């Protein structure tokens, strides 16, 4: 595909793309209430609950962003045969999203995060989860399901969305990447430290700055692009990664294709909430790559998307309408 300058054309090219997402899904529970007194049992506030809401979280937020932009997400993950798992499936149905890639296990629990908010302040978060890698039986079941989807559907890009809850094992990474490369399917990674160096021969690797420094065990500065470029050369050279994009929060994004790099600065915006921005960035990066944009064009689009969602409070998916309010032009490399 030739370089595109019309944002509307780019967004139109997202339609009907099939994006396979492998990763850790979770249920986010929000308890809202008011606080008017302190508990007599301990020096903690008593929250009188007035509302409760459940949302899909973790890797599922990438799927939500993909769907919001008009493409079809297929989420592959493992949940438990528990109350949170039932809630997760109902949330999938509510969004008219397929559960064909979801395995329900009696030996794992569904990751659930409960946030308690009193008088508009976030007071407490409780995580209920298992973070060990899948056992060999579950790993085999998930891999079989992923391979079946890859063999029976036209997949345009594949995302590993790692939240370090154990669903993405080194074995799944190696097997899936090998098959995807044989089929010519671009592979994109939003990594965490535990499996950081397990990703090899992938198309796009997208750590944030902290993940990069921890994963490579290096000391860097966000204001030293040459230092970052030298560090990511390890990923290009040792892990045979085609493109690396490092999100630098207020500094924008760094992107390298191995031979050259660019810093795409963040636009000045009123930042309300950074929650979910990384999920939006990897989703848009996958769609841009699947649509034929080069690494630098894709990074510019993803950088814009990440900034736009940070203007909203809460985890809000990006929409074509939000994009089209901008005057961004994606130009050739």
C-alpha atoms as a PDB file:
ATOM      1  CA  UNK A   1       0.000   0.000   0.000  1.00  0.00           C
ATOM      2  CA  UNK A   2       1.342   3.430  -0.894  1.00  0.00           C
ATOM      3  CA  UNK A   3       1.708   6.169   1.689  1.00  0.00           C
ATOM      4  CA  UNK A   4      -1.638   7.568   2.741  1.00  0.00           C
ATOM      5  CA  UNK A   5      -2.325  11.183   3.628  1.00  0.00           C
ATOM      6  CA  UNK A   6      -6.063  11.006   4.212  1.00  0.00           C
ATOM      7  CA  UNK A   7      -7.009   9.978   7.740  1.00  0.00           C
ATOM      8  CA  UNK A   8     -10.488   8.982   6.596  1.00  0.00           C
ATOM      9  CA  UNK A   9      -8.994   6.552   4.057  1.00  0.00           C
ATOM     10  CA  UNK A  10      -6.842   5.008   6.764  1.00  0.00           C
ATOM     11  CA  UNK A  11      -9.788   4.543   9.103  1.00  0.00           C
ATOM     12  CA  UNK A  12     -11.827   3.044   6.261  1.00  0.00           C
ATOM     13  CA  UNK A  13      -9.051   0.504   5.671  1.00  0.00           C
ATOM     14  CA  UNK A  14      -9.528  -0.727   9.273  1.00  0.00           C
ATOM     15  CA  UNK A  15     -13.007  -2.017   8.461  1.00  0.00           C
ATOM     16  CA  UNK A  16     -13.387  -5.790   8.227  1.00  0.00           C
ATOM     17  CA  UNK A  17      -9.852  -6.409   9.486  1.00  0.00           C
ATOM     18  CA  UNK A  18      -9.636  -9.493  11.701  1.00  0.00           C
ATOM     19  CA  UNK A  19      -7.291  -9.045  14.662  1.00  0.00           C
ATOM     20  CA  UNK A  20      -6.389 -11.992  16.900  1.00  0.00           C
ATOM     21  CA  UNK A  21      -5.521 -10.995  20.472  1.00  0.00           C
ATOM     22  CA  UNK A  22      -3.818 -13.350  22.909  1.00  0.00           C
ATOM     23  CA  UNK A  23      -3.495 -12.265  26.508  1.00  0.00           C
ATOM     24  CA  UNK A  24      -4.720 -11.889  30.050  1.00  0.00           C
ATOM     25  CA  UNK A  25      -8.340 -10.802  30.306  1.00  0.00           C
ATOM     26  CA  UNK A  26      -9.942  -9.633  33.510  1.00  0.00           C
ATOM     27  CA  UNK A  27     -13.103  -8.236  35.039  1.00  0.00           C
ATOM     28  CA  UNK A  28     -12.908  -4.725  36.478  1.00  0.00           C
ATOM     29  CA  UNK A  29     -15.464  -4.139  39.232  1.00  0.00           C
ATOM     30  CA  UNK A  30     -16.222  -0.606  40.388  1.00  0.00           C
ATOM     31  CA  UNK A  31     -17.967   0.116  43.685  1.00  0.00           C
ATOM     32  CA  UNK A  32     -19.096   3.716  44.066  1.00  0.00           C
ATOM     33  CA  UNK A  33     -20.402   5.213  47.250  1.00  0.00           C
ATOM     34  CA  UNK A  34     -20.331   7.978  49.809  1.00  0.00           C
ATOM     35  CA  UNK A  35     -18.197   8.328  52.913  1.00  0.00           C
ATOM     36  CA  UNK A  36     -19.579  10.082  55.993  1.00  0.00           C
ATOM     37  CA  UNK A  37     -17.872   8.324  58.886  1.00  0.00           C
ATOM     38  CA  UNK A  38     -14.860   6.292  60.015  1.00  0.00           C
ATOM     39  CA  UNK A  39     -15.195   2.665  61.039  1.00  0.00           C
ATOM     40  CA  UNK A  40     -15.193   1.999  64.811  1.00  0.00           C
ATOM     41  CA  UNK A  41     -13.304  -1.264  64.073  1.00  0.00           C
ATOM     42  CA  UNK A  42     -10.267   0.335  62.396  1.00  0.00           C
ATOM     43  CA  UNK A  43      -9.193   3.819  61.231  1.00  0.00           C
ATOM     44  CA  UNK A  44     -10.655   3.345  57.758  1.00  0.00           C
ATOM     45  CA  UNK A  45     -13.567   5.062  55.977  1.00  0.00           C
ATOM     46  CA  UNK A  46     -16.928   3.333  55.680  1.00  0.00           C
ATOM     47  CA  UNK A  47     -18.196   3.465  52.096  1.00  0.00           C
ATOM     48  CA  UNK A  48     -21.973   3.284  51.698  1.00  0.00           C
ATOM     49  CA  UNK A  49     -22.245   1.643  48.294  1.00  0.00           C
ATOM     50  CA  UNK A  50     -24.626   3.353  45.879  1.00  0.00           C
ATOM     51  CA  UNK A  51     -23.614   1.775  42.566  1.00  0.00           C
ATOM     52  CA  UNK A  52     -21.737  -1.224  41.163  1.00  0.00           C
ATOM     53  CA  UNK A  53     -20.438  -1.716  37.629  1.00  0.00           C
ATOM     54  CA  UNK A  54     -18.511  -4.439  35.807  1.00  0.00           C
ATOM     55  CA  UNK A  55     -16.266  -3.869  32.794  1.00  0.00           C
ATOM     56  CA  UNK A  56     -13.981  -6.029  30.691  1.00  0.00           C
ATOM     57  CA  UNK A  57     -10.366  -5.205  31.428  1.00  0.00           C
ATOM     58  CA  UNK A  58      -6.800  -6.200  30.676  1.00  0.00           C
ATOM     59  CA  UNK A  59      -6.264  -7.585  27.194  1.00  0.00           C
ATOM     60  CA  UNK A  60     -10.017  -7.387  26.610  1.00  0.00           C
ATOM     61  CA  UNK A  61      -9.678  -3.591  26.472  1.00  0.00           C
ATOM     62  CA  UNK A  62      -7.534  -4.010  23.356  1.00  0.00           C
ATOM     63  CA  UNK A  63     -10.369  -6.017  21.801  1.00  0.00           C
ATOM     64  CA  UNK A  64     -12.840  -3.267  22.726  1.00  0.00           C
ATOM     65  CA  UNK A  65     -10.657  -0.665  20.986  1.00  0.00           C
ATOM     66  CA  UNK A  66     -10.311  -2.856  17.887  1.00  0.00           C
ATOM     67  CA  UNK A  67     -14.092  -3.264  17.673  1.00  0.00           C
ATOM     68  CA  UNK A  68     -14.686   0.441  18.312  1.00  0.00           C
ATOM     69  CA  UNK A  69     -12.625   1.212  15.200  1.00  0.00           C
ATOM     70  CA  UNK A  70     -14.754  -1.063  13.029  1.00  0.00           C
ATOM     71  CA  UNK A  71     -12.569  -4.179  12.901  1.00  0.00           C
ATOM     72  CA  UNK A  72     -13.293  -7.651  14.291  1.00  0.00           C
ATOM     73  CA  UNK A  73     -11.357  -8.720  17.399  1.00  0.00           C
ATOM     74  CA  UNK A  74     -10.958 -12.388  18.334  1.00  0.00           C
ATOM     75  CA  UNK A  75      -9.821 -12.660  21.954  1.00  0.00           C
ATOM     76  CA  UNK A  76      -7.956 -15.798  23.045  1.00  0.00           C
ATOM     77  CA  UNK A  77      -7.540 -16.294  26.774  1.00  0.00           C
ATOM     78  CA  UNK A  78      -8.332 -18.444  29.808  1.00  0.00           C
ATOM     79  CA  UNK A  79     -10.920 -17.583  32.456  1.00  0.00           C
ATOM     80  CA  UNK A  80     -12.213 -19.517  35.443  1.00  0.00           C
ATOM     81  CA  UNK A  81     -15.508 -21.335  35.910  1.00  0.00           C
ATOM     82  CA  UNK A  82     -16.400 -18.823  38.608  1.00  0.00           C
ATOM     83  CA  UNK A  83     -18.694 -15.856  39.132  1.00  0.00           C
ATOM     84  CA  UNK A  84     -16.238 -13.435  37.523  1.00  0.00           C
ATOM     85  CA  UNK A  85     -15.963 -15.752  34.521  1.00  0.00           C
ATOM     86  CA  UNK A  86     -19.750 -15.740  34.114  1.00  0.00           C
ATOM     87  CA  UNK A  87     -19.730 -11.942  34.314  1.00  0.00           C
ATOM     88  CA  UNK A  88     -16.961 -11.766  31.700  1.00  0.00           C
ATOM     89  CA  UNK A  89     -18.950 -13.896  29.243  1.00  0.00           C
ATOM     90  CA  UNK A  90     -22.033 -11.736  29.759  1.00  0.00           C
ATOM     91  CA  UNK A  91     -19.960  -8.613  29.071  1.00  0.00           C
ATOM     92  CA  UNK A  92     -18.707 -10.214  25.838  1.00  0.00           C
ATOM     93  CA  UNK A  93     -22.296 -10.922  24.770  1.00  0.00           C
ATOM     94  CA  UNK A  94     -23.347  -7.377  25.649  1.00  0.00           C
ATOM     95  CA  UNK A  95     -20.711  -6.029  23.257  1.00  0.00           C
ATOM     96  CA  UNK A  96     -21.602  -8.609  20.584  1.00  0.00           C
ATOM     97  CA  UNK A  97     -18.085 -10.049  20.699  1.00  0.00           C
ATOM     98  CA  UNK A  98     -17.243 -13.687  20.062  1.00  0.00           C
ATOM     99  CA  UNK A  99     -16.148 -16.063  22.839  1.00  0.00           C
ATOM    100  CA  UNK A 100     -14.725 -18.637  20.400  1.00  0.00           C
ATOM    101  CA  UNK A 101     -11.188 -18.059  21.687  1.00  0.00           C
ATOM    102  CA  UNK A 102     -12.040 -18.274  25.391  1.00  0.00           C
ATOM    103  CA  UNK A 103     -11.266 -21.384  27.469  1.00  0.00           C
ATOM    104  CA  UNK A 104     -13.100 -21.869  30.771  1.00  0.00           C
ATOM    105  CA  UNK A 105     -10.988 -23.687  33.359  1.00  0.00           C
ATOM    106  CA  UNK A 106     -11.898 -25.222  36.707  1.00  0.00           C
ATOM    107  CA  UNK A 107      -8.288 -24.925  37.897  1.00  0.00           C
ATOM    108  CA  UNK A 108      -7.784 -21.200  37.201  1.00  0.00           C
ATOM    109  CA  UNK A 109      -9.681 -18.198  38.495  1.00  0.00           C
ATOM    110  CA  UNK A 110     -10.784 -15.243  36.435  1.00  0.00           C
ATOM    111  CA  UNK A 111      -8.624 -12.236  37.234  1.00  0.00           C
ATOM    112  CA  UNK A 112     -10.844  -9.680  38.962  1.00  0.00           C
ATOM    113  CA  UNK A 113      -9.928  -6.205  40.164  1.00  0.00           C
ATOM    114  CA  UNK A 114     -12.319  -4.441  42.519  1.00  0.00           C
ATOM    115  CA  UNK A 115     -11.977  -0.689  42.917  1.00  0.00           C
ATOM    116  CA  UNK A 116     -13.716   1.105  45.780  1.00  0.00           C
ATOM    117  CA  UNK A 117     -14.463   4.774  45.130  1.00  0.00           C
ATOM    118  CA  UNK A 118     -15.881   6.981  47.863  1.00  0.00           C
ATOM    119  CA  UNK A 119     -16.766  10.652  47.487  1.00  0.00           C
ATOM    120  CA  UNK A 120     -15.152  10.548  44.012  1.00  0.00           C
ATOM    121  CA  UNK A 121     -11.816   9.357  45.460  1.00  0.00           C
ATOM    122  CA  UNK A 122     -10.215   5.994  44.667  1.00  0.00           C
ATOM    123  CA  UNK A 123      -9.823   4.477  48.136  1.00  0.00           C
ATOM    124  CA  UNK A 124      -8.873   0.853  47.573  1.00  0.00           C
ATOM    125  CA  UNK A 125      -8.209  -1.812  44.949  1.00  0.00           C
ATOM    126  CA  UNK A 126      -8.467  -5.532  45.623  1.00  0.00           C
ATOM    127  CA  UNK A 127      -6.937  -7.987  43.119  1.00  0.00           C
ATOM    128  CA  UNK A 128      -8.145 -11.593  43.014  1.00  0.00           C
ATOM    129  CA  UNK A 129      -5.964 -13.557  40.617  1.00  0.00           C
ATOM    130  CA  UNK A 130      -3.554 -16.350  39.797  1.00  0.00           C
ATOM    131  CA  UNK A 131      -0.324 -15.214  38.130  1.00  0.00           C
ATOM    132  CA  UNK A 132       1.533 -18.499  37.582  1.00  0.00           C
ATOM    133  CA  UNK A 133       1.916 -19.689  33.991  1.00  0.00           C
ATOM    134  CA  UNK A 134      -0.768 -21.986  32.612  1.00  0.00           C
ATOM    135  CA  UNK A 135      -0.118 -25.657  33.314  1.00  0.00           C
ATOM    136  CA  UNK A 136       0.847 -27.827  30.345  1.00  0.00           C
ATOM    137  CA  UNK A 137      -2.706 -29.101  29.785  1.00  0.00           C
ATOM    138  CA  UNK A 138      -4.241 -25.620  29.666  1.00  0.00           C
ATOM    139  CA  UNK A 139      -1.355 -24.322  27.579  1.00  0.00           C
ATOM    140  CA  UNK A 140      -1.980 -27.107  25.063  1.00  0.00           C
ATOM    141  CA  UNK A 141      -5.729 -26.401  24.978  1.00  0.00           C
ATOM    142  CA  UNK A 142      -5.206 -22.675  24.417  1.00  0.00           C
ATOM    143  CA  UNK A 143      -2.578 -23.260  21.744  1.00  0.00           C
ATOM    144  CA  UNK A 144      -4.880 -25.695  19.935  1.00  0.00           C
ATOM    145  CA  UNK A 145      -7.674 -23.108  19.946  1.00  0.00           C
ATOM    146  CA  UNK A 146      -5.374 -20.350  18.670  1.00  0.00           C
ATOM    147  CA  UNK A 147      -4.060 -22.546  15.850  1.00  0.00           C
ATOM    148  CA  UNK A 148      -7.603 -23.536  14.859  1.00  0.00           C
ATOM    149  CA  UNK A 149      -8.618 -19.874  14.568  1.00  0.00           C
ATOM    150  CA  UNK A 150      -5.484 -19.049  12.565  1.00  0.00           C
ATOM    151  CA  UNK A 151      -6.187 -21.954  10.203  1.00  0.00           C
ATOM    152  CA  UNK A 152      -9.888 -21.244   9.687  1.00  0.00           C
ATOM    153  CA  UNK A 153     -10.042 -17.437   9.613  1.00  0.00           C
ATOM    154  CA  UNK A 154      -8.251 -14.762   7.608  1.00  0.00           C
ATOM    155  CA  UNK A 155      -6.278 -13.069  10.385  1.00  0.00           C
ATOM    156  CA  UNK A 156      -4.794  -9.685   9.415  1.00  0.00           C
ATOM    157  CA  UNK A 157      -2.647  -9.140  12.535  1.00  0.00           C
ATOM    158  CA  UNK A 158      -1.974 -10.827  15.866  1.00  0.00           C
ATOM    159  CA  UNK A 159      -1.400  -9.101  19.222  1.00  0.00           C
ATOM    160  CA  UNK A 160       0.227 -10.509  22.351  1.00  0.00           C
ATOM    161  CA  UNK A 161      -1.210  -8.353  25.151  1.00  0.00           C
ATOM    162  CA  UNK A 162       0.714  -9.396  28.232  1.00  0.00           C
ATOM    163  CA  UNK A 163      -0.525  -8.369  31.677  1.00  0.00           C
ATOM    164  CA  UNK A 164       1.761 -10.909  33.391  1.00  0.00           C
ATOM    165  CA  UNK A 165      -1.079 -13.095  34.682  1.00  0.00           C
ATOM    166  CA  UNK A 166       0.330 -16.294  33.149  1.00  0.00           C
ATOM    167  CA  UNK A 167      -1.775 -16.829  30.016  1.00  0.00           C
ATOM    168  CA  UNK A 168       1.055 -15.973  27.603  1.00  0.00           C
ATOM    169  CA  UNK A 169       3.645 -18.695  28.189  1.00  0.00           C
ATOM    170  CA  UNK A 170       7.042 -18.942  26.450  1.00  0.00           C
ATOM    171  CA  UNK A 171       5.755 -22.043  24.657  1.00  0.00           C
ATOM    172  CA  UNK A 172       2.702 -20.230  23.280  1.00  0.00           C
ATOM    173  CA  UNK A 173       4.860 -17.302  22.170  1.00  0.00           C
ATOM    174  CA  UNK A 174       7.296 -19.507  20.257  1.00  0.00           C
ATOM    175  CA  UNK A 175       4.666 -21.694  18.585  1.00  0.00           C
ATOM    176  CA  UNK A 176       2.258 -18.908  17.623  1.00  0.00           C
ATOM    177  CA  UNK A 177       4.945 -16.589  16.235  1.00  0.00           C
ATOM    178  CA  UNK A 178       6.350 -19.416  14.123  1.00  0.00           C
ATOM    179  CA  UNK A 179       2.933 -20.184  12.620  1.00  0.00           C
ATOM    180  CA  UNK A 180       2.070 -16.507  12.125  1.00  0.00           C
ATOM    181  CA  UNK A 181       5.327 -15.861  10.289  1.00  0.00           C
ATOM    182  CA  UNK A 182       4.715 -18.825   7.978  1.00  0.00           C
ATOM    183  CA  UNK A 183       1.266 -17.408   7.198  1.00  0.00           C
ATOM    184  CA  UNK A 184       2.557 -13.851   6.735  1.00  0.00           C
ATOM    185  CA  UNK A 185       0.546 -12.515   9.692  1.00  0.00           C
ATOM    186  CA  UNK A 186       2.119  -9.467  11.416  1.00  0.00           C
ATOM    187  CA  UNK A 187       2.779 -10.061  15.122  1.00  0.00           C
ATOM    188  CA  UNK A 188       2.665  -7.255  17.690  1.00  0.00           C
ATOM    189  CA  UNK A 189       3.653  -7.340  21.345  1.00  0.00           C
ATOM    190  CA  UNK A 190       2.788  -5.260  24.405  1.00  0.00           C
ATOM    191  CA  UNK A 191       5.226  -6.967  26.811  1.00  0.00           C
ATOM    192  CA  UNK A 192       5.803  -7.358  30.515  1.00  0.00           C
ATOM    193  CA  UNK A 193       9.114  -8.066  32.226  1.00  0.00           C
ATOM    194  CA  UNK A 194       8.728 -11.807  32.908  1.00  0.00           C
ATOM    195  CA  UNK A 195       8.534 -12.781  29.225  1.00  0.00           C
ATOM    196  CA  UNK A 196      10.241  -9.678  27.829  1.00  0.00           C
ATOM    197  CA  UNK A 197      13.046 -11.508  26.049  1.00  0.00           C
ATOM    198  CA  UNK A 198      10.901 -14.498  25.012  1.00  0.00           C
ATOM    199  CA  UNK A 199       9.504 -12.588  22.032  1.00  0.00           C
ATOM    200  CA  UNK A 200      11.588 -13.286  18.946  1.00  0.00           C
ATOM    201  CA  UNK A 201      10.993 -12.733  15.216  1.00  0.00           C
ATOM    202  CA  UNK A 202       8.005 -10.431  15.817  1.00  0.00           C
ATOM    203  CA  UNK A 203       6.904  -7.480  13.678  1.00  0.00           C
ATOM    204  CA  UNK A 204       6.298  -4.786  16.297  1.00  0.00           C
ATOM    205  CA  UNK A 205       7.483  -4.676  19.907  1.00  0.00           C
ATOM    206  CA  UNK A 206       5.878  -1.959  22.075  1.00  0.00           C
ATOM    207  CA  UNK A 207       7.192  -1.618  25.628  1.00  0.00           C
ATOM    208  CA  UNK A 208       6.774   1.532  27.635  1.00  0.00           C
ATOM    209  CA  UNK A 209       9.949   3.246  28.862  1.00  0.00           C
ATOM    210  CA  UNK A 210       9.949   1.519  32.268  1.00  0.00           C
ATOM    211  CA  UNK A 211       9.393  -1.901  30.687  1.00  0.00           C
ATOM    212  CA  UNK A 212      12.266  -1.284  28.257  1.00  0.00           C
ATOM    213  CA  UNK A 213      14.768  -0.330  30.961  1.00  0.00           C
ATOM    214  CA  UNK A 214      13.724  -3.201  33.241  1.00  0.00           C
ATOM    215  CA  UNK A 215      13.529  -5.752  30.443  1.00  0.00           C
ATOM    216  CA  UNK A 216      16.999  -4.920  29.125  1.00  0.00           C
ATOM    217  CA  UNK A 217      18.406  -4.051  32.575  1.00  0.00           C
ATOM    218  CA  UNK A 218      19.752  -0.697  31.373  1.00  0.00           C
ATOM    219  CA  UNK A 219      19.772   2.867  32.709  1.00  0.00           C
ATOM    220  CA  UNK A 220      18.399   5.341  30.167  1.00  0.00           C
ATOM    221  CA  UNK A 221      16.933   8.818  29.948  1.00  0.00           C
ATOM    222  CA  UNK A 222      13.795   9.695  28.008  1.00  0.00           C
ATOM    223  CA  UNK A 223      15.652  12.708  26.659  1.00  0.00           C
ATOM    224  CA  UNK A 224      18.455  10.576  25.156  1.00  0.00           C
ATOM    225  CA  UNK A 225      17.124   9.126  21.883  1.00  0.00           C
ATOM    226  CA  UNK A 226      20.585   7.935  20.812  1.00  0.00           C
ATOM    227  CA  UNK A 227      20.860   5.965  24.057  1.00  0.00           C
ATOM    228  CA  UNK A 228      17.418   4.450  23.534  1.00  0.00           C
ATOM    229  CA  UNK A 229      18.323   3.581  19.931  1.00  0.00           C
ATOM    230  CA  UNK A 230      21.498   1.846  21.095  1.00  0.00           C
ATOM    231  CA  UNK A 231      19.495  -0.144  23.672  1.00  0.00           C
ATOM    232  CA  UNK A 232      16.771  -1.259  21.248  1.00  0.00           C
ATOM    233  CA  UNK A 233      19.450  -2.444  18.817  1.00  0.00           C
ATOM    234  CA  UNK A 234      19.760  -5.411  21.187  1.00  0.00           C
ATOM    235  CA  UNK A 235      16.143  -6.304  20.403  1.00  0.00           C
ATOM    236  CA  UNK A 236      16.608  -5.853  16.662  1.00  0.00           C
ATOM    237  CA  UNK A 237      19.839  -7.844  16.623  1.00  0.00           C
ATOM    238  CA  UNK A 238      19.412 -10.531  19.295  1.00  0.00           C
ATOM    239  CA  UNK A 239      15.652 -11.101  19.097  1.00  0.00           C
ATOM    240  CA  UNK A 240      15.248 -10.397  15.376  1.00  0.00           C
ATOM    241  CA  UNK A 241      12.478  -7.859  15.990  1.00  0.00           C
ATOM    242  CA  UNK A 242      11.556  -5.771  12.939  1.00  0.00           C
ATOM    243  CA  UNK A 243      10.186  -2.619  14.599  1.00  0.00           C
ATOM    244  CA  UNK A 244      10.393  -1.295  18.150  1.00  0.00           C
ATOM    245  CA  UNK A 245       8.137   1.436  19.509  1.00  0.00           C
ATOM    246  CA  UNK A 246       8.751   2.747  23.020  1.00  0.00           C
ATOM    247  CA  UNK A 247       6.049   4.907  24.576  1.00  0.00           C
ATOM    248  CA  UNK A 248       7.584   7.816  26.499  1.00  0.00           C
ATOM    249  CA  UNK A 249       4.403   9.260  28.093  1.00  0.00           C
ATOM    250  CA  UNK A 250       4.680  13.077  27.964  1.00  0.00           C
ATOM    251  CA  UNK A 251       7.666  12.845  25.558  1.00  0.00           C
ATOM    252  CA  UNK A 252       5.671  11.001  22.884  1.00  0.00           C
ATOM    253  CA  UNK A 253       6.931   7.792  21.279  1.00  0.00           C
ATOM    254  CA  UNK A 254      10.266   6.487  20.033  1.00  0.00           C
ATOM    255  CA  UNK A 255      10.104   4.223  16.979  1.00  0.00           C
ATOM    256  CA  UNK A 256      12.895   2.320  15.259  1.00  0.00           C
ATOM    257  CA  UNK A 257      13.006   0.024  12.232  1.00  0.00           C
ATOM    258  CA  UNK A 258      16.547  -1.084  13.083  1.00  0.00           C
ATOM    259  CA  UNK A 259      18.353   1.209  10.664  1.00  0.00           C
ATOM    260  CA  UNK A 260      16.853   4.539  11.703  1.00  0.00           C
ATOM    261  CA  UNK A 261      14.648   5.981  14.417  1.00  0.00           C
ATOM    262  CA  UNK A 262      12.297   8.878  15.072  1.00  0.00           C
ATOM    263  CA  UNK A 263      10.867  10.589  18.107  1.00  0.00           C
ATOM    264  CA  UNK A 264       7.235  11.518  17.537  1.00  0.00           C
ATOM    265  CA  UNK A 265       6.444  14.161  20.169  1.00  0.00           C
ATOM    266  CA  UNK A 266       3.251  14.097  22.180  1.00  0.00           C
ATOM    267  CA  UNK A 267       0.798  16.869  21.388  1.00  0.00           C
ATOM    268  CA  UNK A 268      -0.171  19.215  24.190  1.00  0.00           C
ATOM    269  CA  UNK A 269      -3.423  17.962  25.687  1.00  0.00           C
ATOM    270  CA  UNK A 270      -5.443  18.217  28.873  1.00  0.00           C
ATOM    271  CA  UNK A 271      -4.597  14.856  30.430  1.00  0.00           C
ATOM    272  CA  UNK A 272      -7.496  13.545  32.499  1.00  0.00           C
ATOM    273  CA  UNK A 273      -6.635   9.837  32.856  1.00  0.00           C
ATOM    274  CA  UNK A 274      -3.896   7.627  31.348  1.00  0.00           C
ATOM    275  CA  UNK A 275      -5.776   4.386  32.091  1.00  0.00           C
ATOM    276  CA  UNK A 276      -6.000   2.118  29.067  1.00  0.00           C
ATOM    277  CA  UNK A 277      -3.811   4.296  26.833  1.00  0.00           C
ATOM    278  CA  UNK A 278      -1.361   1.456  26.221  1.00  0.00           C
ATOM    279  CA  UNK A 279      -4.191  -0.829  25.108  1.00  0.00           C
ATOM    280  CA  UNK A 280      -5.356   1.807  22.642  1.00  0.00           C
ATOM    281  CA  UNK A 281      -1.835   2.310  21.278  1.00  0.00           C
ATOM    282  CA  UNK A 282      -1.200  -1.386  20.580  1.00  0.00           C
ATOM    283  CA  UNK A 283      -4.670  -1.799  19.025  1.00  0.00           C
ATOM    284  CA  UNK A 284      -4.157   1.104  16.630  1.00  0.00           C
ATOM    285  CA  UNK A 285      -0.620  -0.087  15.886  1.00  0.00           C
ATOM    286  CA  UNK A 286      -1.979  -3.493  14.872  1.00  0.00           C
ATOM    287  CA  UNK A 287      -4.638  -1.972  12.620  1.00  0.00           C
ATOM    288  CA  UNK A 288      -2.152   0.408  11.018  1.00  0.00           C
ATOM    289  CA  UNK A 289       0.281  -2.438  10.362  1.00  0.00           C
ATOM    290  CA  UNK A 290      -2.491  -4.656   8.985  1.00  0.00           C
ATOM    291  CA  UNK A 291      -3.534  -1.816   6.661  1.00  0.00           C
ATOM    292  CA  UNK A 292      -0.055  -1.471   5.165  1.00  0.00           C
ATOM    293  CA  UNK A 293       1.240   1.633   6.929  1.00  0.00           C
ATOM    294  CA  UNK A 294       4.976   1.642   7.624  1.00  0.00           C
ATOM    295  CA  UNK A 295       6.398   1.726  11.146  1.00  0.00           C
ATOM    296  CA  UNK A 296       6.694   5.523  11.334  1.00  0.00           C
ATOM    297  CA  UNK A 297       3.221   6.189   9.899  1.00  0.00           C
ATOM    298  CA  UNK A 298       1.763   3.622  12.298  1.00  0.00           C
ATOM    299  CA  UNK A 299       3.577   5.150  15.264  1.00  0.00           C
ATOM    300  CA  UNK A 300       2.260   8.636  14.417  1.00  0.00           C
ATOM    301  CA  UNK A 301      -1.305   7.320  14.319  1.00  0.00           C
ATOM    302  CA  UNK A 302      -0.884   5.319  17.541  1.00  0.00           C
ATOM    303  CA  UNK A 303       0.687   8.311  19.291  1.00  0.00           C
ATOM    304  CA  UNK A 304      -2.322  10.415  18.363  1.00  0.00           C
ATOM    305  CA  UNK A 305      -4.716   7.726  19.599  1.00  0.00           C
ATOM    306  CA  UNK A 306      -2.946   7.399  22.939  1.00  0.00           C
ATOM    307  CA  UNK A 307      -3.123  11.151  23.503  1.00  0.00           C
ATOM    308  CA  UNK A 308      -6.795  11.351  22.593  1.00  0.00           C
ATOM    309  CA  UNK A 309      -7.923   8.673  25.068  1.00  0.00           C
ATOM    310  CA  UNK A 310      -5.953  10.351  27.857  1.00  0.00           C
ATOM    311  CA  UNK A 311      -8.294  13.342  27.563  1.00  0.00           C
ATOM    312  CA  UNK A 312     -11.168  11.183  28.816  1.00  0.00           C
ATOM    313  CA  UNK A 313     -11.762   9.993  32.371  1.00  0.00           C
ATOM    314  CA  UNK A 314     -11.865   6.206  32.648  1.00  0.00           C
ATOM    315  CA  UNK A 315     -10.959   3.516  30.133  1.00  0.00           C
ATOM    316  CA  UNK A 316     -12.644   4.842  26.997  1.00  0.00           C
ATOM    317  CA  UNK A 317     -12.080   3.208  23.586  1.00  0.00           C
ATOM    318  CA  UNK A 318     -11.005   5.311  20.627  1.00  0.00           C
ATOM    319  CA  UNK A 319     -13.567   5.867  17.846  1.00  0.00           C
ATOM    320  CA  UNK A 320     -13.267   6.957  14.198  1.00  0.00           C
ATOM    321  CA  UNK A 321     -15.218  10.108  15.075  1.00  0.00           C
ATOM    322  CA  UNK A 322     -12.633  11.036  17.721  1.00  0.00           C
ATOM    323  CA  UNK A 323      -9.850  10.600  15.167  1.00  0.00           C
ATOM    324  CA  UNK A 324     -11.599  12.626  12.481  1.00  0.00           C
ATOM    325  CA  UNK A 325     -11.754  15.700  14.703  1.00  0.00           C
ATOM    326  CA  UNK A 326      -7.974  15.858  14.309  1.00  0.00           C
ATOM    327  CA  UNK A 327      -6.069  17.256  11.344  1.00  0.00           C
ATOM    328  CA  UNK A 328      -3.312  14.629  11.383  1.00  0.00           C
ATOM    329  CA  UNK A 329      -1.818  13.721   8.047  1.00  0.00           C
ATOM    330  CA  UNK A 330       0.070  10.468   7.784  1.00  0.00           C
ATOM    331  CA  UNK A 331       2.857  11.096   5.315  1.00  0.00           C
ATOM    332  CA  UNK A 332       5.394   8.812   3.698  1.00  0.00           C
ATOM    333  CA  UNK A 333       8.526   7.655   5.483  1.00  0.00           C
END
